[in-house]
Every structure is written in C-alpha cells, then in structure tokens.
Protein backbone atom coordinates (compact mmCIF):
# COMPACT_ATOMS: atom_id res chain seq x y z
CA MET A 1 121.49 116.07 99.13
CA SER A 2 124.40 116.21 101.32
CA SER A 3 124.92 113.87 104.35
CA THR A 4 125.52 114.84 107.91
CA SER A 5 129.36 114.03 107.54
CA ASP A 6 129.46 116.49 104.58
CA ASN A 7 127.95 119.19 106.50
CA CYS A 8 130.45 118.49 109.40
CA LYS A 9 133.35 118.77 106.79
CA ASP A 10 132.14 121.99 105.46
CA GLY A 11 131.51 123.50 108.79
CA ALA A 12 128.19 124.42 107.71
CA SER A 13 126.07 123.69 110.81
CA LYS A 14 126.61 125.68 113.89
CA SER A 15 123.21 124.91 115.66
CA ASN A 16 121.59 121.64 116.85
CA ASP A 17 123.52 119.81 114.29
CA ASP A 18 126.59 120.35 116.16
CA GLY A 19 125.88 117.52 118.53
CA VAL A 20 125.48 115.06 115.46
CA CYS A 21 128.66 116.52 113.91
CA GLU A 22 130.57 115.89 116.95
CA LEU A 23 129.45 112.25 117.22
CA GLU A 24 130.03 111.72 113.76
CA GLU A 25 133.67 112.96 114.10
CA LYS A 26 134.25 110.75 117.17
CA LEU A 27 132.95 107.66 115.31
CA GLN A 28 135.17 108.29 112.31
CA ASN A 29 137.99 108.71 114.60
CA MET A 30 137.39 105.42 116.18
CA SER A 31 137.17 103.66 112.87
CA VAL A 32 139.99 101.70 111.31
CA GLY A 33 141.78 103.82 108.65
CA ASP A 34 142.29 100.96 106.12
CA ILE A 35 139.28 98.36 106.70
CA SER A 36 141.32 95.72 104.71
CA VAL A 37 144.03 95.53 107.64
CA CYS A 38 143.52 93.05 110.44
CA ALA A 39 143.09 94.87 113.71
CA ASN A 40 145.03 92.33 115.70
CA CYS A 41 147.92 91.32 113.51
CA GLY A 42 147.92 94.01 110.86
CA LYS A 43 147.84 91.60 108.00
CA GLU A 44 146.15 93.01 104.76
CA GLY A 45 143.56 91.02 103.10
CA SER A 46 140.31 91.34 100.98
CA SER A 47 137.77 93.17 102.88
CA ASP A 48 134.97 90.61 101.74
CA ASN A 49 136.98 87.65 103.07
CA MET A 50 137.55 89.06 106.50
CA ASN A 51 135.86 88.70 109.73
CA THR A 52 134.04 91.83 111.04
CA CYS A 53 133.23 92.64 114.77
CA ASN A 54 129.60 91.67 115.25
CA LYS A 55 128.72 94.40 117.48
CA CYS A 56 130.28 97.74 116.13
CA LYS A 57 130.92 96.42 112.70
CA GLN A 58 133.91 98.63 112.70
CA VAL A 59 137.07 96.53 112.65
CA LYS A 60 138.04 93.58 110.56
CA TYR A 61 140.21 90.52 111.24
CA CYS A 62 142.07 88.17 109.02
CA ASN A 63 140.61 85.11 110.57
CA ALA A 64 138.67 83.92 113.66
CA VAL A 65 141.62 83.37 115.85
CA CYS A 66 142.85 86.98 115.51
CA LYS A 67 139.30 88.09 116.29
CA LYS A 68 139.22 86.07 119.40
CA VAL A 69 142.71 87.28 120.55
CA HIS A 70 141.88 90.95 119.95
CA LYS A 71 138.29 90.63 121.62
CA LYS A 72 139.53 91.77 125.15
CA LYS A 73 141.51 94.63 123.82
CA HIS A 74 138.86 95.72 121.50
CA LYS A 75 135.98 95.53 124.17
CA LYS A 76 136.26 99.12 125.49
CA ASP A 77 136.55 100.79 121.95
CA CYS A 78 133.62 98.49 120.71
CA GLU A 79 131.38 99.65 123.62
CA GLU A 80 132.35 103.33 123.23
CA HIS A 81 131.58 103.09 119.43
CA ILE A 82 128.19 101.62 120.24
CA ARG A 83 127.36 104.28 122.78
CA LEU A 84 128.51 107.16 120.40
CA ALA A 85 126.41 105.56 117.68
CA ALA A 86 123.40 105.30 119.68
CA GLU A 87 123.90 109.03 120.86
CA LYS A 88 124.19 109.97 117.28
CA ARG A 89 120.95 108.31 116.25
CA ASN A 90 119.10 109.69 119.18
CA GLU A 91 120.36 113.03 118.21
CA GLU A 92 119.29 112.74 114.67
CA LEU A 93 115.81 111.44 115.70
CA LYS A 94 115.58 114.45 117.97
CA LEU A 95 116.40 116.96 115.19
CA ALA A 96 113.91 115.16 112.97
CA ALA A 97 111.11 115.36 115.38
CA GLU A 98 111.72 119.06 115.95
CA LYS A 99 111.75 119.71 112.25
CA HIS A 100 108.49 117.71 112.02
CA ASP A 101 106.82 119.54 114.58
CA ALA A 102 107.88 122.93 113.21
CA GLU A 103 106.36 122.03 109.95
CA LEU A 104 103.29 120.54 111.64
CA PHE A 105 102.34 123.45 113.89
CA LYS A 106 103.05 126.33 111.66
CA THR A 107 100.09 128.37 110.43
CA PRO A 108 98.40 126.43 107.58
CA PRO A 109 97.12 127.82 104.42
CA SER A 110 93.62 128.68 104.18
CA GLN A 111 91.62 125.44 103.03
CA PHE A 112 89.02 127.15 100.71
CA GLY A 113 90.51 130.64 100.30
CA ASP A 114 88.09 133.32 99.45
CA CYS A 115 84.84 133.44 97.35
CA PRO A 116 85.94 134.43 93.95
CA ILE A 117 82.76 136.65 93.66
CA CYS A 118 82.49 138.46 97.13
CA PHE A 119 86.02 137.94 98.10
CA LEU A 120 85.05 137.14 101.61
CA ARG A 121 86.67 134.38 103.40
CA MET A 122 85.11 130.94 102.74
CA PRO A 123 83.44 129.32 105.72
CA ILE A 124 84.48 125.57 106.64
CA LEU A 125 81.00 124.68 107.29
CA ASN A 126 78.92 124.38 104.07
CA MET A 127 81.84 125.98 102.50
CA GLY A 128 79.92 126.60 99.30
CA VAL A 129 78.77 125.16 96.01
CA TYR A 130 81.05 123.45 93.50
CA ASN A 131 80.35 124.31 89.97
CA THR A 132 81.06 121.59 87.48
CA CYS A 133 81.10 124.11 84.61
CA CYS A 134 83.90 126.32 85.52
CA GLY A 135 85.43 124.38 88.54
CA LYS A 136 84.83 127.37 90.83
CA ILE A 137 83.55 127.05 94.50
CA ILE A 138 81.08 129.88 95.11
CA CYS A 139 79.97 130.87 98.79
CA SER A 140 76.30 129.98 99.78
CA GLY A 141 75.65 133.88 99.81
CA CYS A 142 76.72 134.43 96.28
CA SER A 143 75.08 131.10 95.04
CA TYR A 144 71.70 132.05 96.54
CA ALA A 145 71.84 135.73 95.44
CA PRO A 146 69.87 136.83 92.28
CA ILE A 147 71.88 137.27 89.20
CA TYR A 148 71.68 140.49 87.05
CA ASP A 149 72.72 141.29 83.49
CA ASN A 150 74.88 144.24 82.44
CA GLN A 151 71.88 146.47 82.61
CA GLY A 152 70.89 145.61 86.13
CA ASN A 153 68.10 143.39 85.19
CA LYS A 154 67.40 140.15 87.06
CA VAL A 155 67.97 137.25 84.89
CA ASP A 156 67.41 133.44 85.15
CA SER A 157 68.91 132.46 88.50
CA GLU A 158 69.40 128.88 87.47
CA LYS A 159 72.78 129.61 86.06
CA CYS A 160 76.23 129.58 87.54
CA SER A 161 76.97 132.84 89.60
CA PHE A 162 80.38 132.91 88.24
CA CYS A 163 80.50 132.04 84.51
CA ARG A 164 76.79 132.25 83.87
CA THR A 165 76.45 128.71 82.39
CA PRO A 166 73.02 127.15 82.86
CA THR A 167 72.90 124.66 85.89
CA PRO A 168 72.64 121.08 84.80
CA LEU A 169 69.24 119.60 84.74
CA SER A 170 70.16 115.83 85.31
CA THR A 171 72.63 113.74 87.06
CA GLU A 172 73.97 112.47 83.87
CA GLU A 173 74.92 116.21 82.71
CA ILE A 174 76.61 116.77 86.23
CA LEU A 175 78.67 113.84 85.69
CA ALA A 176 79.64 114.55 82.24
CA ARG A 177 80.82 117.98 83.25
CA ASN A 178 82.55 116.50 86.27
CA LYS A 179 84.43 114.13 83.82
CA LYS A 180 85.48 117.06 81.83
CA ARG A 181 86.82 118.76 84.92
CA ILE A 182 88.81 115.58 85.80
CA GLU A 183 90.42 115.56 82.33
CA ALA A 184 91.33 119.04 82.88
CA GLY A 185 93.18 117.97 86.13
CA ASP A 186 90.64 119.56 88.56
CA VAL A 187 91.47 118.04 91.95
CA HIS A 188 88.07 118.75 93.46
CA ALA A 189 86.48 116.96 90.53
CA ILE A 190 88.81 113.84 91.14
CA PHE A 191 87.96 114.01 94.91
CA ASN A 192 84.12 114.19 94.06
CA ARG A 193 84.41 110.89 91.94
CA GLY A 194 86.28 109.23 94.73
CA ASN A 195 83.25 110.22 96.93
CA TYR A 196 80.84 108.78 94.30
CA TYR A 197 82.64 105.36 94.44
CA ARG A 198 82.77 105.42 98.27
CA GLN A 199 79.18 106.10 98.71
CA GLY A 200 78.07 104.17 95.69
CA MET A 201 76.03 107.12 94.28
CA HIS A 202 75.18 108.79 90.95
CA GLY A 203 75.30 105.23 89.39
CA TYR A 204 78.76 104.46 90.60
CA PRO A 205 79.18 101.07 92.43
CA LYS A 206 80.39 101.11 95.88
CA ASP A 207 84.13 100.48 95.63
CA TYR A 208 86.38 101.60 98.56
CA THR A 209 89.52 100.60 96.47
CA LYS A 210 88.70 102.77 93.64
CA ALA A 211 87.69 105.72 95.88
CA LEU A 212 91.06 105.22 97.63
CA GLU A 213 92.96 105.40 94.43
CA LEU A 214 91.26 108.70 93.44
CA TYR A 215 91.96 110.24 96.73
CA HIS A 216 95.50 109.45 96.35
CA GLN A 217 95.53 110.79 92.95
CA ALA A 218 93.82 114.13 94.18
CA ALA A 219 96.09 114.17 97.19
CA GLU A 220 99.10 114.02 95.10
CA LEU A 221 97.92 117.10 93.19
CA GLY A 222 97.52 119.02 96.49
CA HIS A 223 94.14 118.26 97.68
CA ALA A 224 94.11 118.58 101.51
CA ALA A 225 90.62 116.87 101.98
CA SER A 226 91.77 113.95 99.96
CA TYR A 227 94.65 113.40 102.48
CA CYS A 228 92.00 113.57 105.31
CA SER A 229 89.75 110.94 103.60
CA ILE A 230 92.80 108.61 103.12
CA GLY A 231 93.44 109.13 106.95
CA CYS A 232 89.91 108.36 107.78
CA TYR A 233 90.25 105.18 105.70
CA PHE A 234 93.07 103.71 107.78
CA ASP A 235 91.53 105.07 111.16
CA ASN A 236 88.35 103.39 110.59
CA GLY A 237 89.64 100.25 108.51
CA ILE A 238 87.38 101.07 105.66
CA GLY A 239 87.91 98.26 103.18
CA MET A 240 91.20 97.47 104.98
CA LYS A 241 92.83 96.54 108.08
CA ARG A 242 93.04 99.63 110.51
CA ASN A 243 96.34 101.10 110.80
CA GLU A 244 96.63 103.91 113.45
CA GLU A 245 100.16 104.95 112.36
CA LYS A 246 99.11 105.47 108.75
CA ALA A 247 95.92 107.12 109.88
CA LYS A 248 97.93 109.78 111.65
CA TYR A 249 100.57 110.07 108.95
CA TYR A 250 98.01 110.94 106.23
CA THR A 251 95.84 113.07 108.71
CA GLU A 252 99.11 115.19 109.44
CA LEU A 253 99.57 115.75 105.62
CA ALA A 254 96.18 116.93 105.36
CA ALA A 255 96.56 119.35 108.34
CA ILE A 256 99.82 120.79 107.05
CA LYS A 257 97.94 121.63 103.69
CA GLY A 258 95.11 123.34 105.73
CA ASP A 259 92.36 120.66 106.21
CA VAL A 260 90.61 121.81 109.34
CA THR A 261 88.81 118.68 110.00
CA ALA A 262 92.23 116.74 109.96
CA ARG A 263 93.79 119.34 112.27
CA HIS A 264 90.61 118.78 114.69
CA ASN A 265 91.05 115.07 114.40
CA LEU A 266 94.75 115.19 115.37
CA GLY A 267 93.79 117.20 118.53
CA ILE A 268 91.44 114.15 119.38
CA PHE A 269 94.31 111.62 118.52
CA GLU A 270 96.74 113.48 120.87
CA MET A 271 94.18 113.77 123.68
CA ASP A 272 93.53 110.06 123.40
CA ASP A 273 97.24 109.48 123.72
CA GLY A 274 97.64 111.88 126.66
CA ASN A 275 99.56 114.54 125.02
CA MET A 276 97.58 117.36 126.01
CA ASP A 277 100.04 120.04 125.04
CA LYS A 278 99.94 118.96 121.54
CA ALA A 279 96.34 118.50 121.65
CA LEU A 280 95.87 122.26 122.67
CA LYS A 281 98.16 123.32 119.90
CA HIS A 282 96.12 121.47 117.17
CA HIS A 283 92.69 122.44 118.53
CA MET A 284 93.82 126.23 118.72
CA ILE A 285 94.85 125.95 115.17
CA ALA A 286 91.49 124.55 114.14
CA VAL A 287 89.67 127.06 116.13
CA LYS A 288 91.42 129.94 114.38
CA CYS A 289 90.34 128.36 111.18
CA GLY A 290 86.69 128.09 112.12
CA LYS A 291 86.16 124.62 113.80
CA GLY A 292 83.63 125.08 116.53
CA GLY A 293 83.98 121.57 117.82
CA SER A 294 87.71 122.25 118.63
CA LEU A 295 86.49 125.32 120.74
CA GLN A 296 84.53 122.73 122.83
CA PHE A 297 87.58 120.41 123.35
CA ILE A 298 89.67 123.51 124.49
CA LYS A 299 86.94 124.17 127.02
CA GLU A 300 87.06 120.50 128.18
CA LEU A 301 90.95 120.79 128.36
CA TYR A 302 90.50 123.90 130.49
CA THR A 303 88.05 122.39 132.73
CA ASN A 304 90.10 119.24 133.36
CA GLY A 305 93.26 121.48 134.15
CA ASP A 306 95.11 120.75 130.78
CA ALA A 307 94.63 124.37 129.54
CA THR A 308 94.77 127.57 131.14
CA LYS A 309 92.02 130.21 131.28
CA GLU A 310 94.12 132.40 129.02
CA ASP A 311 94.17 129.60 126.60
CA TYR A 312 90.31 129.32 126.60
CA MET A 313 89.99 133.13 126.30
CA LYS A 314 92.27 133.15 123.54
CA ALA A 315 90.35 130.37 121.73
CA LEU A 316 87.09 132.29 122.10
CA GLN A 317 88.72 135.44 120.59
CA LEU A 318 90.06 133.54 117.77
CA TYR A 319 86.64 132.01 116.87
CA GLN A 320 85.09 135.47 116.91
CA GLU A 321 87.57 136.78 114.60
CA TYR A 322 86.78 134.00 112.31
CA LEU A 323 83.23 134.75 112.43
CA GLY A 324 83.94 138.40 111.69
CA GLU A 325 85.72 137.29 108.60
CA ILE A 326 83.03 135.00 107.11
CA LYS A 327 79.78 136.91 107.99
CA SER A 328 77.82 138.69 105.45
CA ARG A 329 74.21 139.91 104.98
CA GLN A 330 74.04 137.63 101.74
CA ARG A 331 75.29 134.52 103.54
CA ASP A 332 72.69 135.20 106.40
CA GLU A 333 69.95 135.46 103.98
CA ALA A 334 70.81 132.32 102.29
CA ALA A 335 71.13 130.49 105.56
CA ALA A 336 67.83 131.63 106.53
CA ALA A 337 66.15 130.31 103.36
CA ARG A 338 67.96 127.05 103.20
CA GLU A 339 69.32 124.72 105.89
CA ASP A 340 72.19 123.38 103.70
CA TYR A 341 73.48 127.00 103.49
CA ARG A 342 73.95 127.56 107.24
CA TYR A 343 77.55 128.29 107.55
CA TYR A 344 78.40 128.66 111.26
C-alpha cells in the first residue's frame, strides 16, 4: 500500500488528496535535512543520543544547552509545523469520513436474494424456510405449495421443496443435518448454531460467549445477520459490558452487507444522536429494502420537520415498489393458512 507522501511524489492525486499532499510537502520542507545535525551549532552526532524538540519532534540538538539557546529562534517554525501537522491530520480524517460515508450509504446488496424456486424477491419478514438438507432458503409460498412429481401427480408434501429430501422428523435429525451444513461451510448453519447457544435451545446450554464466537465465524464468511447480532450484543451488553462504539461499528458492517434490521437500527442510532440527515438516509434505504418500521420513522421525521413531504412520499413509493416485487398468490395463500408465513 502506498503512503500519502508516495502519492504526492507520483503526482497521482488531483482531487481531495491535494490538500493532504500540499501539507505533506510543507512539513517535509520544514524538516531538517540531516536529522543527525544539531539545529543550533551544526555539530553532527548519533541521532539516538541527541535531544529532540518536545513539541514538533522535527529538530535535534547535540545537548540541552543548544536546545535552550535555539528555543526562541525555533519557536515560530515549531508552531507552524504543529499547525500544519494538525491541518494534515484533520484533512486525512475528513477524507476518511467521506470515504466511509460513501461506502455506508451506497445501495446495499439484497439480504436474501430471490427464492431459488419461484425466483421472486425474498421478503425480509418471515423471509422463508431454511432447509438443513440442501442449505437452501425457500420462500413461504413455495414451502407451503404442494409438491408434484414429473407426471404432475401430487406427492408427499413433507419433503424439501427444492431437493425433495424428506423433512426431518426429530430435533436430533435437524441438528445432525445442521452439523453437516456447518462442516460444509454453510454460514447460515453456523449462524443457527450461534442462535441455539444464545437461546439455550435444542439441547444446547445457554452460552453467550460461544454464541458470539459462532457469530464472528459466520460474519467473517460474509453473513450479514451475524454482524447485526454482534452489534446487538454490544448495544445491549449481552454477556459483556455495553459498548456503543463497537455496537455501531458492527451494525454498520451488517448494513453495508445488506442486513435491513441493522440499517433500521442505524437510523435509530442517528436519531438518538440528533443526526437527522443521516437518520433519514438510513431509514430511506431500509424502506427500499422492505422495512415497514423505518417508514414509520420517516413519517415521524416528517411530522417533526426533519424530513420533507417529498421525502415521505418517496418513502411510500419505495415501500410500494418493494411490495410489488415480493407479492404472489402462493405467498398470500401461505400467509392466510399460517401466521408464521405472513410476509408483510
């Protein structure tokens, strides 16, 4: 990785980096060419054995006497160097913040993609059924729909809608299949086991530390919801001391990877901090991805004068577009038959 000074030498940056490059050049010009030369008397010496200016750290002296004698003469340059160094640091922080926001607020990938059977967009509410046989997540409509053989005859519905493997009949069988999926590197299976430890279910002891370890494992493999869970751990102080900074950090990672709940939570964080412009951006992205709760927060922002009527109308339009992409007759039938299949 090249440094800022390398970029300045190459003349590569002509945009916002110009400010940093200019400051870098000024600082270099103010530095003593040979750091083993006393800035007062010019005597050469070992750099390790010489006194350094306590403030700017840029000039060296052969002894404390020279340092004291040169203090008045060096004062102006010292203060200028400190000022330029501070400007350079502030400019670097500004550029880093702009880069971070550009990454954070760009359109995220779809959290669940499309159903592998009907190819319709997966809803974020009751997103579907995870099958431990093949590792596929099937939408509620396809999971509920009857299964037919190649001749069009209805067959036993107690089979996976995708791979036709018979559904497990016991918790032990579910866990055995989930274990195989973990061994195959299935991030959703790893995440599921983390949930088992967090909730103390399916015979697993309640162990927040083990759950967090599994969330980290799944997150490092790209599982967005695992980052969100880690963020919730820090935000709520689950099994640890509450840490708002780390909570926001992991929640942002989840949002960047497409987790809609994380995006919604970031909107709430920013509202709590009084950053209404950022809150609106987060909630608008969440609404586009199907988060009805964020639509209500945008309405609240509009009511309080922190969002315009156009903002609220745009949010309503985005949510309707989302509904148009996820609705189907099959899914409606499934939702009417089972409450846990309700998808909006």
